[in-house]
Protein backbone atom coordinates (compact mmCIF):
# COMPACT_ATOMS: atom_id res chain seq x y z
CA MET A 1 -15.57 19.07 87.85
CA ALA A 2 -12.94 16.76 86.34
CA ALA A 3 -10.76 18.22 83.65
CA ILE A 4 -11.12 16.83 80.16
CA LYS A 5 -7.95 15.17 79.02
CA LYS A 6 -6.38 15.93 75.68
CA GLY A 7 -7.79 13.63 73.07
CA GLN A 8 -11.00 12.97 74.96
CA SER A 9 -14.46 14.44 74.47
CA LYS A 10 -16.52 15.82 77.29
CA PHE A 11 -18.70 12.75 77.00
CA GLY A 12 -15.85 10.45 77.97
CA GLY A 13 -15.05 9.03 74.52
CA MET A 14 -11.95 9.65 72.45
CA MET A 15 -12.15 12.79 70.26
CA ARG A 16 -12.16 12.02 66.48
CA VAL A 17 -9.90 14.25 64.40
CA SER A 18 -10.65 14.52 60.65
CA PRO A 19 -7.70 13.26 58.57
CA LEU A 20 -8.24 16.14 56.10
CA LYS A 21 -7.61 18.88 58.59
CA PRO A 22 -3.82 18.52 58.81
CA GLY A 23 -3.53 18.54 54.97
CA LEU A 24 -5.86 21.51 54.60
CA ARG A 25 -4.10 23.32 57.40
CA GLY A 26 -0.75 22.71 55.65
CA SER A 27 -2.10 24.02 52.34
CA GLN A 28 -3.49 27.10 54.02
CA ASN A 29 -0.18 27.75 55.75
CA TRP A 30 1.74 27.31 52.46
CA MET A 31 -0.64 29.65 50.65
CA ALA A 32 -0.39 32.26 53.38
CA ALA A 33 3.40 32.03 53.33
CA GLN A 34 3.46 32.45 49.54
CA MET A 35 1.15 35.47 49.69
CA ARG A 36 3.22 37.11 52.43
CA ALA A 37 6.40 36.57 50.40
CA ALA A 38 4.73 37.95 47.30
CA LYS A 39 3.82 41.18 49.07
CA HIS A 40 7.46 41.95 49.82
CA SER A 41 9.19 40.81 46.54
CA PRO A 42 8.17 41.33 42.90
CA LYS A 43 10.07 38.20 41.88
CA ALA A 44 8.30 36.14 44.49
CA PHE A 45 4.99 37.60 43.31
CA MET A 46 5.71 36.55 39.70
CA ARG A 47 6.72 33.07 40.82
CA PHE A 48 3.51 32.85 42.81
CA VAL A 49 1.39 33.90 39.82
CA LEU A 50 3.18 31.45 37.49
CA LYS A 51 2.65 28.62 39.94
CA ILE A 52 -1.05 29.41 40.11
CA ILE A 53 -1.31 29.55 36.29
CA GLY A 54 0.68 26.32 35.93
CA THR A 55 -1.53 24.54 38.42
CA PHE A 56 -4.71 25.62 36.65
CA GLY A 57 -3.21 24.72 33.27
CA PHE A 58 -2.27 21.26 34.50
CA LEU A 59 -5.75 20.72 35.88
CA ILE A 60 -7.33 21.82 32.60
CA PHE A 61 -5.02 19.48 30.65
CA ILE A 62 -5.94 16.54 32.86
CA ALA A 63 -9.64 17.33 32.47
CA LEU A 64 -9.34 17.49 28.64
CA TRP A 65 -7.30 14.30 28.54
CA LEU A 66 -9.74 12.40 30.73
CA GLY A 67 -12.65 13.71 28.67
CA GLY A 68 -11.07 12.63 25.37
CA TYR A 69 -11.05 16.15 23.90
CA LEU A 70 -7.30 16.38 23.08
CA PRO A 71 -7.43 14.65 19.63
CA ALA A 72 -10.26 16.95 18.50
CA ILE A 73 -8.38 20.02 19.74
CA ARG A 74 -5.21 18.91 17.96
CA GLN A 75 -7.15 18.27 14.74
CA ASN A 76 -8.76 21.69 14.89
CA MET A 77 -5.40 23.34 15.50
CA ASP A 78 -3.86 21.50 12.52
CA ALA A 79 -6.79 22.52 10.31
CA TRP A 80 -6.43 26.12 11.45
CA LYS A 81 -2.69 26.04 10.69
CA VAL A 82 -3.30 24.62 7.19
CA ASP A 83 -5.97 27.25 6.50
CA ARG A 84 -3.60 30.05 7.56
CA LEU A 85 -0.74 28.70 5.39
CA MET A 86 -3.01 28.22 2.37
CA ALA A 87 -4.31 31.74 2.82
CA ALA A 88 -0.66 32.87 2.79
CA GLY A 89 -0.18 31.28 -0.66
CA PHE A 90 1.14 27.78 0.06
CA VAL A 91 -1.13 26.16 -2.53
CA VAL A 92 -0.30 23.90 -5.48
CA GLU A 93 -0.77 26.08 -8.54
CA GLN A 94 1.01 23.97 -11.16
CA VAL A 95 1.80 20.26 -11.70
CA ASP A 96 4.50 19.62 -14.31
CA VAL A 97 5.11 16.21 -15.92
CA MET A 98 8.53 15.55 -17.46
CA GLY A 99 10.06 12.62 -19.30
CA GLU A 100 6.95 11.10 -20.87
CA GLY A 101 7.30 9.64 -24.37
CA ARG A 102 5.49 6.35 -24.82
CA LEU A 103 3.46 7.24 -21.73
CA ASN A 104 0.39 9.42 -21.88
CA GLU A 105 0.78 12.55 -19.72
CA ARG A 106 -2.83 12.25 -18.60
CA ASP A 107 -2.15 8.73 -17.23
CA ILE A 108 0.77 10.07 -15.20
CA ARG A 109 -1.34 12.87 -13.72
CA ILE A 110 -4.10 10.44 -12.81
CA ALA A 111 -1.62 8.06 -11.15
CA ALA A 112 0.14 10.83 -9.18
CA GLN A 113 -3.21 12.16 -7.85
CA ILE A 114 -1.93 15.69 -7.23
CA GLN A 115 -4.62 18.31 -7.70
CA ARG A 116 -4.22 22.03 -8.16
CA GLY A 117 -5.47 24.06 -5.20
CA THR A 118 -4.35 21.54 -2.57
CA TYR A 119 -2.12 22.36 0.39
CA PHE A 120 1.47 22.63 -0.86
CA PHE A 121 3.08 20.85 2.09
CA GLY A 122 0.25 18.35 2.37
CA VAL A 123 1.19 16.48 -0.83
CA ASP A 124 2.53 12.99 -0.01
CA LEU A 125 5.49 12.85 -2.40
CA ASP A 126 6.39 9.22 -1.62
CA ALA A 127 2.84 7.98 -2.24
CA ALA A 128 2.64 9.94 -5.51
CA ARG A 129 5.98 8.42 -6.60
CA ASP A 130 4.87 4.87 -5.78
CA ARG A 131 1.61 5.29 -7.69
CA THR A 132 3.45 6.69 -10.71
CA GLU A 133 6.00 3.87 -10.69
CA SER A 134 3.14 1.36 -10.80
CA LEU A 135 2.42 2.39 -14.40
CA PRO A 136 3.61 -0.22 -16.94
CA TRP A 137 6.07 1.99 -18.81
CA VAL A 138 7.62 3.70 -15.78
CA GLU A 139 10.96 2.38 -14.58
CA LYS A 140 11.57 5.17 -12.05
CA ALA A 141 9.73 8.31 -10.93
CA VAL A 142 10.80 11.35 -8.93
CA VAL A 143 8.22 13.70 -7.39
CA ARG A 144 9.47 16.92 -5.80
CA ARG A 145 8.30 20.36 -4.69
CA LEU A 146 9.52 23.51 -6.41
CA TRP A 147 9.10 26.66 -4.33
CA PRO A 148 6.70 28.31 -4.00
CA ASN A 149 3.76 26.49 -5.64
CA ARG A 150 4.91 23.86 -8.18
CA ILE A 151 5.02 20.06 -8.03
CA VAL A 152 7.18 18.27 -10.62
CA VAL A 153 6.64 14.62 -11.58
CA GLN A 154 9.65 13.32 -13.53
CA VAL A 155 9.58 9.81 -15.01
CA VAL A 156 12.20 7.55 -16.56
CA GLU A 157 10.55 5.25 -19.05
CA THR A 158 11.35 1.56 -19.31
CA THR A 159 13.30 0.68 -22.44
CA PRO A 160 12.08 -2.63 -23.91
CA TYR A 161 14.95 -4.93 -24.76
CA ALA A 162 13.11 -8.02 -26.01
CA LEU A 163 9.77 -9.60 -26.88
CA TRP A 164 8.22 -12.43 -24.90
CA GLN A 165 5.70 -14.86 -26.32
CA HIS A 166 3.64 -16.77 -23.77
CA GLU A 167 0.33 -18.58 -24.26
CA GLY A 168 -0.14 -17.02 -27.66
CA VAL A 169 0.31 -13.43 -26.45
CA LEU A 170 3.33 -11.33 -27.39
CA HIS A 171 4.60 -8.89 -24.73
CA LEU A 172 7.26 -6.25 -24.60
CA LEU A 173 9.87 -7.31 -22.06
CA ALA A 174 11.77 -4.96 -19.75
CA ASP A 175 15.47 -5.22 -18.98
CA SER A 176 14.56 -6.58 -15.53
CA GLY A 177 12.76 -9.53 -17.10
CA GLN A 178 9.31 -8.18 -16.26
CA PRO A 179 6.67 -7.87 -19.00
CA ILE A 180 5.70 -4.29 -19.80
CA ILE A 181 2.51 -4.45 -21.88
CA PRO A 182 1.14 -6.65 -24.68
CA VAL A 183 2.48 -5.70 -28.09
CA SER A 184 -1.08 -5.11 -29.26
CA GLU A 185 -1.32 -2.17 -26.81
CA ALA A 186 2.03 -0.59 -27.71
CA ILE A 187 2.13 2.58 -29.78
CA SER A 188 5.48 1.61 -31.33
CA ILE A 189 7.91 -1.32 -31.14
CA PRO A 190 11.70 -0.88 -31.40
CA LEU A 191 13.32 -2.72 -34.27
CA GLY A 192 15.72 -5.62 -33.85
CA LEU A 193 14.31 -7.06 -30.61
CA LYS A 194 14.90 -10.75 -29.94
CA THR A 195 11.85 -12.88 -29.14
CA TYR A 196 11.86 -15.20 -26.13
CA VAL A 197 9.35 -18.06 -26.04
CA GLY A 198 8.37 -20.10 -23.01
CA ALA A 199 6.98 -19.60 -19.50
CA ASP A 200 10.42 -19.42 -17.83
CA ALA A 201 12.21 -17.71 -20.71
CA PRO A 202 12.37 -14.19 -19.17
CA ALA A 203 13.87 -15.50 -15.91
CA ASP A 204 16.64 -17.40 -17.72
CA ALA A 205 17.19 -14.96 -20.59
CA ARG A 206 20.28 -13.37 -19.02
CA ASN A 207 21.99 -16.74 -18.63
CA ILE A 208 21.64 -17.75 -22.27
CA GLU A 209 22.67 -14.25 -23.37
CA ALA A 210 25.82 -14.50 -21.24
CA SER A 211 26.67 -17.81 -22.92
CA LEU A 212 26.12 -16.32 -26.38
CA ALA A 213 27.99 -13.05 -25.68
CA PRO A 214 31.44 -14.41 -26.69
CA HIS A 215 29.98 -15.70 -29.97
CA GLN A 216 28.65 -12.63 -31.74
CA GLU A 217 28.77 -14.44 -35.08
CA ILE A 218 26.00 -16.66 -33.71
CA TRP A 219 24.15 -14.06 -31.60
CA THR A 220 23.70 -11.63 -34.49
CA ARG A 221 21.97 -14.37 -36.51
CA VAL A 222 19.50 -15.28 -33.72
CA GLU A 223 15.92 -14.12 -34.22
CA SER A 224 14.16 -15.95 -31.37
CA LEU A 225 15.02 -18.22 -28.46
CA VAL A 226 12.72 -20.99 -27.23
CA ARG A 227 13.12 -22.36 -23.72
CA PHE A 228 11.77 -25.82 -22.91
CA PRO A 229 10.58 -27.08 -19.51
CA SER A 230 13.71 -29.25 -19.32
CA GLY A 231 15.80 -26.07 -19.17
CA ARG A 232 17.40 -26.26 -22.59
CA TRP A 233 17.13 -23.74 -25.45
CA ASP A 234 16.54 -23.77 -29.19
CA LEU A 235 17.99 -20.89 -31.21
CA HIS A 236 15.92 -19.88 -34.24
CA LEU A 237 18.17 -18.09 -36.72
CA ARG A 238 17.06 -15.50 -39.25
CA ASN A 239 17.58 -17.95 -42.11
CA GLU A 240 15.12 -20.34 -40.36
CA THR A 241 17.84 -22.72 -39.16
CA ILE A 242 17.18 -24.13 -35.70
CA VAL A 243 20.10 -24.75 -33.33
CA GLN A 244 19.21 -27.28 -30.63
CA LEU A 245 21.33 -26.68 -27.50
CA PRO A 246 21.80 -29.15 -24.63
CA ALA A 247 20.45 -28.56 -21.13
CA GLU A 248 24.00 -28.66 -19.71
CA ASN A 249 27.43 -27.58 -20.98
CA VAL A 250 25.92 -24.95 -23.24
CA ASP A 251 29.22 -23.06 -23.50
CA ILE A 252 31.00 -26.15 -24.85
CA ALA A 253 28.27 -26.71 -27.43
CA LEU A 254 28.42 -23.08 -28.59
CA ARG A 255 32.22 -23.18 -28.93
CA LYS A 256 31.85 -26.34 -31.02
CA LEU A 257 29.28 -24.61 -33.25
CA ALA A 258 31.43 -21.49 -33.65
CA SER A 259 34.43 -23.60 -34.62
CA LEU A 260 32.36 -25.57 -37.13
CA ASP A 261 31.03 -22.36 -38.68
CA ARG A 262 34.54 -20.96 -39.13
CA GLU A 263 35.54 -24.14 -40.97
CA THR A 264 32.42 -24.85 -43.03
CA PHE A 265 30.19 -21.72 -42.89
CA ILE A 266 27.45 -24.01 -41.62
CA LEU A 267 25.31 -21.11 -40.33
CA SER A 268 25.08 -19.67 -43.85
CA ARG A 269 24.04 -22.92 -45.49
CA GLU A 270 20.53 -24.26 -46.17
CA VAL A 271 20.35 -26.36 -43.03
CA GLY A 272 17.05 -27.06 -41.29
CA SER A 273 18.46 -27.87 -37.85
CA ILE A 274 21.77 -28.31 -36.08
CA ASP A 275 21.50 -30.69 -33.13
CA LEU A 276 24.11 -30.13 -30.41
CA ARG A 277 22.32 -32.01 -27.64
CA LEU A 278 24.76 -34.95 -27.69
CA PRO A 279 28.31 -34.20 -26.55
CA ASP A 280 30.10 -36.51 -29.01
CA ARG A 281 28.32 -35.67 -32.24
CA ILE A 282 26.53 -32.98 -34.24
CA GLY A 283 23.28 -33.79 -35.99
CA LEU A 284 22.32 -31.99 -39.18
CA LYS A 285 18.95 -31.95 -40.92
CA ALA A 286 18.19 -30.41 -44.28
CA LYS A 287 15.47 -27.83 -44.74
CA THR A 288 12.10 -29.02 -45.93
CA ALA A 289 10.82 -28.11 -49.35
CA ASP A 290 8.42 -25.56 -47.85
CA ALA A 291 11.22 -23.93 -45.91
CA LEU A 292 13.41 -23.76 -49.03
CA GLN A 293 10.61 -22.11 -50.99
CA SER A 294 10.07 -19.45 -48.31
CA THR A 295 13.76 -18.44 -48.20
């Protein structure tokens, strides 16, 4: 009987070898080698155990990741951590408000949205600060934690420096040029505020003030300033005299007016208007009879 050659079956065809057998045989050999080494060395045994645990852990992680369970597990762990910390006393017990004057303390608390009994480290300080600074009277706010259970909201109130009249409504104006609130809603109004009139008056207020700064003898007499769409200003003095400034070369016109006042005391006289819009002349107009009767 003919011998069967290696690689052939007894039926004459080539013998098929499963491609899994070499890999399985290698895994079995590696496992057997690891177990034999573990029997003779405690360190090898521990390494063997850790490898087995690591392999199972990796497989479990992959299964959870593929199944989409990791976000839920992380959320549950975070909730458990927060519950443990709150049980240990990390809870907001007191919310202090500092610096309020024109502002109502209740409005600040509502804006900050920090409730007693919430998780101490869960308070979003930046969000609370931004909400507080959105209040009309608040120029700046600082929100901070005070160990172990206090939150402090400290505000710096806006100081109004002028009044702004626009479309028949009078507003308090902040130093930044932004309107604060209508005067009708203000609890109190500081004395001695200048009044700016015109849609673009707040944006250009600093420029006209800079031009008037060297001439305090004029600035102290000004009660209101009216800005026209052309860009020029009228100064309404306390004695009801109107000074009409040009759109350009305002500094030259103001120096001319200051010099004229030193020579003639024109700003103290009963003059209805002083026209400085033309560079080569000064126009004067007497007060009307009604204006003279009111002074």
